[in-house]
Amino acid sequence: MCVLIFKVLSRYTVIMSKRMRVQLMCGAFGISLAMAGIQVASIFTLPFCHRVIGHFFCDILPVMKLSCIDTTLNEIINFAVSSFVILVSMNVVFISYVLIISAILKIASAEGRKKTFATCASHLTVVIVHYGSASIAYLKPKSENSAEQDLLLSVTYTIITPLLNPVVYTLRNKEVKDALRRAVGRHIS
């Protein structure tokens, strides 16, 4: 197992050079800026009859609902942009998990595979919750829109998923678990 970890770490430092990190950062920034620019430009010229957004943050779909005119073209543009962003990033994450799982299966010890799968499963759960709720929110047909469902989905991918990340990453740590037990134990006594 130590040999496998060493091989992975040595390959990582070769692949993830400073140049590669800058390229990844610029690619993510450029794509997100272009996609946001397309969405903003598509609603920028809409006339708005209402001033109150029926949502807890200024998202593209609730803003489009404020328009006085037919927004079918804007909805098509939004669907195309959302599909691209969600499906491309989801596929990249899915491919990376396939590669991670194939590397886990190469671990010789059953205990090592079990521990690694346990960590991977909790991360994968958060990813599925995030992409699942975002996909439903942005890729569902307009006929299935309901304000309550939209709010619930938005809360899920904007608030719950980020709150799950610290739990996933810290509760795997033995020191954090012990500190949490001590803190809860003091308050219960």
Protein backbone atom coordinates (compact mmCIF):
# COMPACT_ATOMS: atom_id res chain seq x y z
CA MET A 1 0.00 0.00 0.00
CA CYS A 2 2.82 2.41 0.83
CA VAL A 3 4.33 1.75 -2.60
CA LEU A 4 1.02 2.61 -4.28
CA ILE A 5 0.69 5.84 -2.28
CA PHE A 6 4.28 6.79 -3.16
CA LYS A 7 3.64 6.14 -6.87
CA VAL A 8 0.46 8.22 -6.82
CA LEU A 9 2.16 11.12 -5.01
CA SER A 10 5.17 11.11 -7.31
CA ARG A 11 2.91 11.11 -10.40
CA TYR A 12 0.77 13.87 -8.90
CA THR A 13 3.70 16.27 -8.50
CA VAL A 14 4.78 15.60 -12.09
CA ILE A 15 1.29 16.05 -13.56
CA MET A 16 0.19 18.95 -11.33
CA SER A 17 2.99 21.34 -12.19
CA LYS A 18 2.63 25.06 -11.62
CA ARG A 19 1.78 25.48 -15.31
CA MET A 20 -1.01 22.87 -15.09
CA ARG A 21 -2.46 24.52 -11.98
CA VAL A 22 -2.52 27.91 -13.72
CA GLN A 23 -4.14 26.36 -16.81
CA LEU A 24 -6.83 24.69 -14.71
CA MET A 25 -7.50 27.90 -12.81
CA CYS A 26 -7.69 30.01 -15.99
CA GLY A 27 -9.90 27.40 -17.67
CA ALA A 28 -12.35 27.30 -14.76
CA PHE A 29 -12.39 31.09 -14.49
CA GLY A 30 -12.75 31.62 -18.24
CA ILE A 31 -15.55 29.10 -18.68
CA SER A 32 -17.50 30.36 -15.66
CA LEU A 33 -17.09 33.99 -16.76
CA ALA A 34 -18.24 33.15 -20.30
CA MET A 35 -21.27 31.16 -19.09
CA ALA A 36 -22.29 33.85 -16.59
CA GLY A 37 -21.79 36.50 -19.28
CA ILE A 38 -24.07 34.65 -21.69
CA GLN A 39 -26.79 34.31 -19.05
CA VAL A 40 -26.59 37.94 -17.93
CA ALA A 41 -26.57 39.20 -21.52
CA SER A 42 -29.64 37.10 -22.30
CA ILE A 43 -31.73 38.79 -19.58
CA PHE A 44 -30.13 42.23 -19.67
CA THR A 45 -32.56 43.61 -22.25
CA LEU A 46 -35.73 42.13 -20.75
CA PRO A 47 -38.35 44.59 -19.52
CA PHE A 48 -39.31 43.89 -15.90
CA CYS A 49 -42.81 44.48 -14.50
CA HIS A 50 -42.15 43.30 -10.96
CA ARG A 51 -39.46 44.27 -8.47
CA VAL A 52 -39.59 41.50 -5.86
CA ILE A 53 -37.79 38.23 -6.54
CA GLY A 54 -39.67 35.25 -5.12
CA HIS A 55 -36.47 33.58 -4.04
CA PHE A 56 -33.86 33.87 -1.32
CA PHE A 57 -31.08 34.88 -3.75
CA CYS A 58 -30.88 36.56 -7.14
CA ASP A 59 -30.78 33.53 -9.43
CA ILE A 60 -31.32 33.63 -13.19
CA LEU A 61 -34.67 31.78 -13.28
CA PRO A 62 -36.44 33.90 -10.62
CA VAL A 63 -35.17 37.06 -12.34
CA MET A 64 -36.61 35.86 -15.67
CA LYS A 65 -39.99 35.37 -13.97
CA LEU A 66 -40.08 39.12 -13.31
CA SER A 67 -40.19 39.89 -17.03
CA CYS A 68 -43.27 41.31 -18.76
CA ILE A 69 -42.64 39.49 -22.05
CA ASP A 70 -42.28 35.92 -23.26
CA THR A 71 -38.91 34.57 -22.09
CA THR A 72 -38.86 31.34 -24.12
CA LEU A 73 -35.65 32.25 -25.97
CA ASN A 74 -33.98 33.26 -22.70
CA GLU A 75 -35.07 29.98 -21.11
CA ILE A 76 -33.58 28.03 -24.03
CA ILE A 77 -30.30 29.92 -23.63
CA ASN A 78 -30.36 29.31 -19.88
CA PHE A 79 -31.10 25.61 -20.39
CA ALA A 80 -28.20 25.27 -22.87
CA VAL A 81 -25.75 27.07 -20.58
CA SER A 82 -26.92 25.16 -17.49
CA SER A 83 -26.74 21.84 -19.34
CA PHE A 84 -23.20 22.57 -20.47
CA VAL A 85 -22.00 23.67 -17.03
CA ILE A 86 -23.69 20.89 -15.08
CA LEU A 87 -23.10 18.00 -17.47
CA VAL A 88 -19.49 18.83 -18.32
CA SER A 89 -18.43 19.32 -14.71
CA MET A 90 -20.46 16.31 -13.57
CA ASN A 91 -18.80 14.13 -16.22
CA VAL A 92 -15.32 15.31 -15.20
CA VAL A 93 -16.11 14.46 -11.57
CA PHE A 94 -17.62 11.11 -12.59
CA ILE A 95 -14.54 10.19 -14.66
CA SER A 96 -12.25 11.13 -11.77
CA TYR A 97 -14.28 8.89 -9.43
CA VAL A 98 -14.03 6.02 -11.90
CA LEU A 99 -10.25 6.48 -11.93
CA ILE A 100 -10.17 6.72 -8.13
CA ILE A 101 -12.24 3.55 -7.75
CA SER A 102 -10.02 1.68 -10.23
CA ALA A 103 -6.97 2.77 -8.18
CA ILE A 104 -8.70 1.64 -4.96
CA LEU A 105 -9.37 -1.77 -6.43
CA LYS A 106 -5.60 -2.16 -6.96
CA ILE A 107 -4.92 -1.81 -3.22
CA ALA A 108 -3.75 -5.19 -1.99
CA SER A 109 -5.24 -5.26 1.51
CA ALA A 110 -8.98 -5.60 2.04
CA GLU A 111 -8.78 -3.28 5.06
CA GLY A 112 -7.10 -0.57 2.97
CA ARG A 113 -9.75 -0.87 0.26
CA LYS A 114 -12.52 -0.73 2.87
CA LYS A 115 -11.16 2.45 4.53
CA THR A 116 -10.59 4.15 1.20
CA PHE A 117 -14.05 3.21 -0.11
CA ALA A 118 -15.61 4.56 3.11
CA THR A 119 -13.94 7.94 2.59
CA CYS A 120 -14.76 7.95 -1.11
CA ALA A 121 -18.41 7.02 -0.48
CA SER A 122 -19.02 10.00 1.80
CA HIS A 123 -17.46 12.37 -0.74
CA LEU A 124 -19.48 10.79 -3.53
CA THR A 125 -22.68 11.22 -1.51
CA VAL A 126 -22.09 14.97 -1.22
CA VAL A 127 -21.31 15.18 -4.96
CA ILE A 128 -24.51 13.29 -5.84
CA VAL A 129 -26.62 15.51 -3.57
CA HIS A 130 -25.11 18.65 -5.10
CA TYR A 131 -25.33 17.66 -8.76
CA GLY A 132 -28.68 15.95 -8.30
CA SER A 133 -30.38 18.99 -6.79
CA ALA A 134 -28.69 21.42 -9.19
CA SER A 135 -29.67 19.27 -12.17
CA ILE A 136 -33.29 19.10 -11.07
CA ALA A 137 -33.37 22.85 -10.38
CA TYR A 138 -31.90 23.96 -13.70
CA LEU A 139 -32.72 21.18 -16.15
CA LYS A 140 -36.35 20.36 -15.35
CA PRO A 141 -39.10 21.43 -17.76
CA LYS A 142 -40.84 24.74 -17.08
CA SER A 143 -44.16 22.93 -16.69
CA GLU A 144 -42.83 21.29 -13.51
CA ASN A 145 -41.87 24.56 -11.80
CA SER A 146 -43.13 25.22 -8.29
CA ALA A 147 -41.82 28.00 -6.04
CA GLU A 148 -41.56 25.73 -2.99
CA GLN A 149 -39.64 23.03 -4.84
CA ASP A 150 -37.30 25.63 -6.40
CA LEU A 151 -36.53 27.07 -2.96
CA LEU A 152 -35.90 23.63 -1.46
CA LEU A 153 -33.59 22.64 -4.30
CA SER A 154 -31.73 25.95 -4.07
CA VAL A 155 -31.22 25.55 -0.34
CA THR A 156 -29.92 22.03 -0.95
CA TYR A 157 -27.22 22.93 -3.45
CA THR A 158 -26.28 26.36 -2.04
CA ILE A 159 -26.43 25.75 1.72
CA ILE A 160 -26.71 22.06 2.65
CA THR A 161 -23.97 20.78 0.32
CA PRO A 162 -21.36 23.30 1.54
CA LEU A 163 -22.34 22.49 5.14
CA LEU A 164 -21.83 18.79 4.48
CA ASN A 165 -18.26 19.28 3.23
CA PRO A 166 -16.71 20.10 6.63
CA VAL A 167 -18.58 17.17 8.16
CA VAL A 168 -17.31 14.79 5.48
CA TYR A 169 -13.73 16.00 5.72
CA THR A 170 -13.39 16.48 9.49
CA LEU A 171 -15.41 13.63 10.99
CA ARG A 172 -13.11 11.19 9.22
CA ASN A 173 -10.30 12.60 11.37
CA LYS A 174 -9.75 10.72 14.64
CA GLU A 175 -8.60 13.83 16.54
CA VAL A 176 -11.72 15.77 15.54
CA LYS A 177 -13.96 12.86 16.58
CA ASP A 178 -12.23 12.67 19.97
CA ALA A 179 -12.50 16.44 20.51
CA LEU A 180 -16.19 16.35 19.56
CA ARG A 181 -16.83 13.51 22.01
CA ARG A 182 -15.06 15.44 24.78
CA ALA A 183 -17.01 18.65 24.01
CA VAL A 184 -20.38 16.90 23.85
CA GLY A 185 -19.54 14.86 26.93
CA ARG A 186 -18.83 18.00 28.97
CA HIS A 187 -22.13 19.62 28.03
CA ILE A 188 -24.17 16.50 28.73
CA SER A 189 -22.72 15.88 32.20
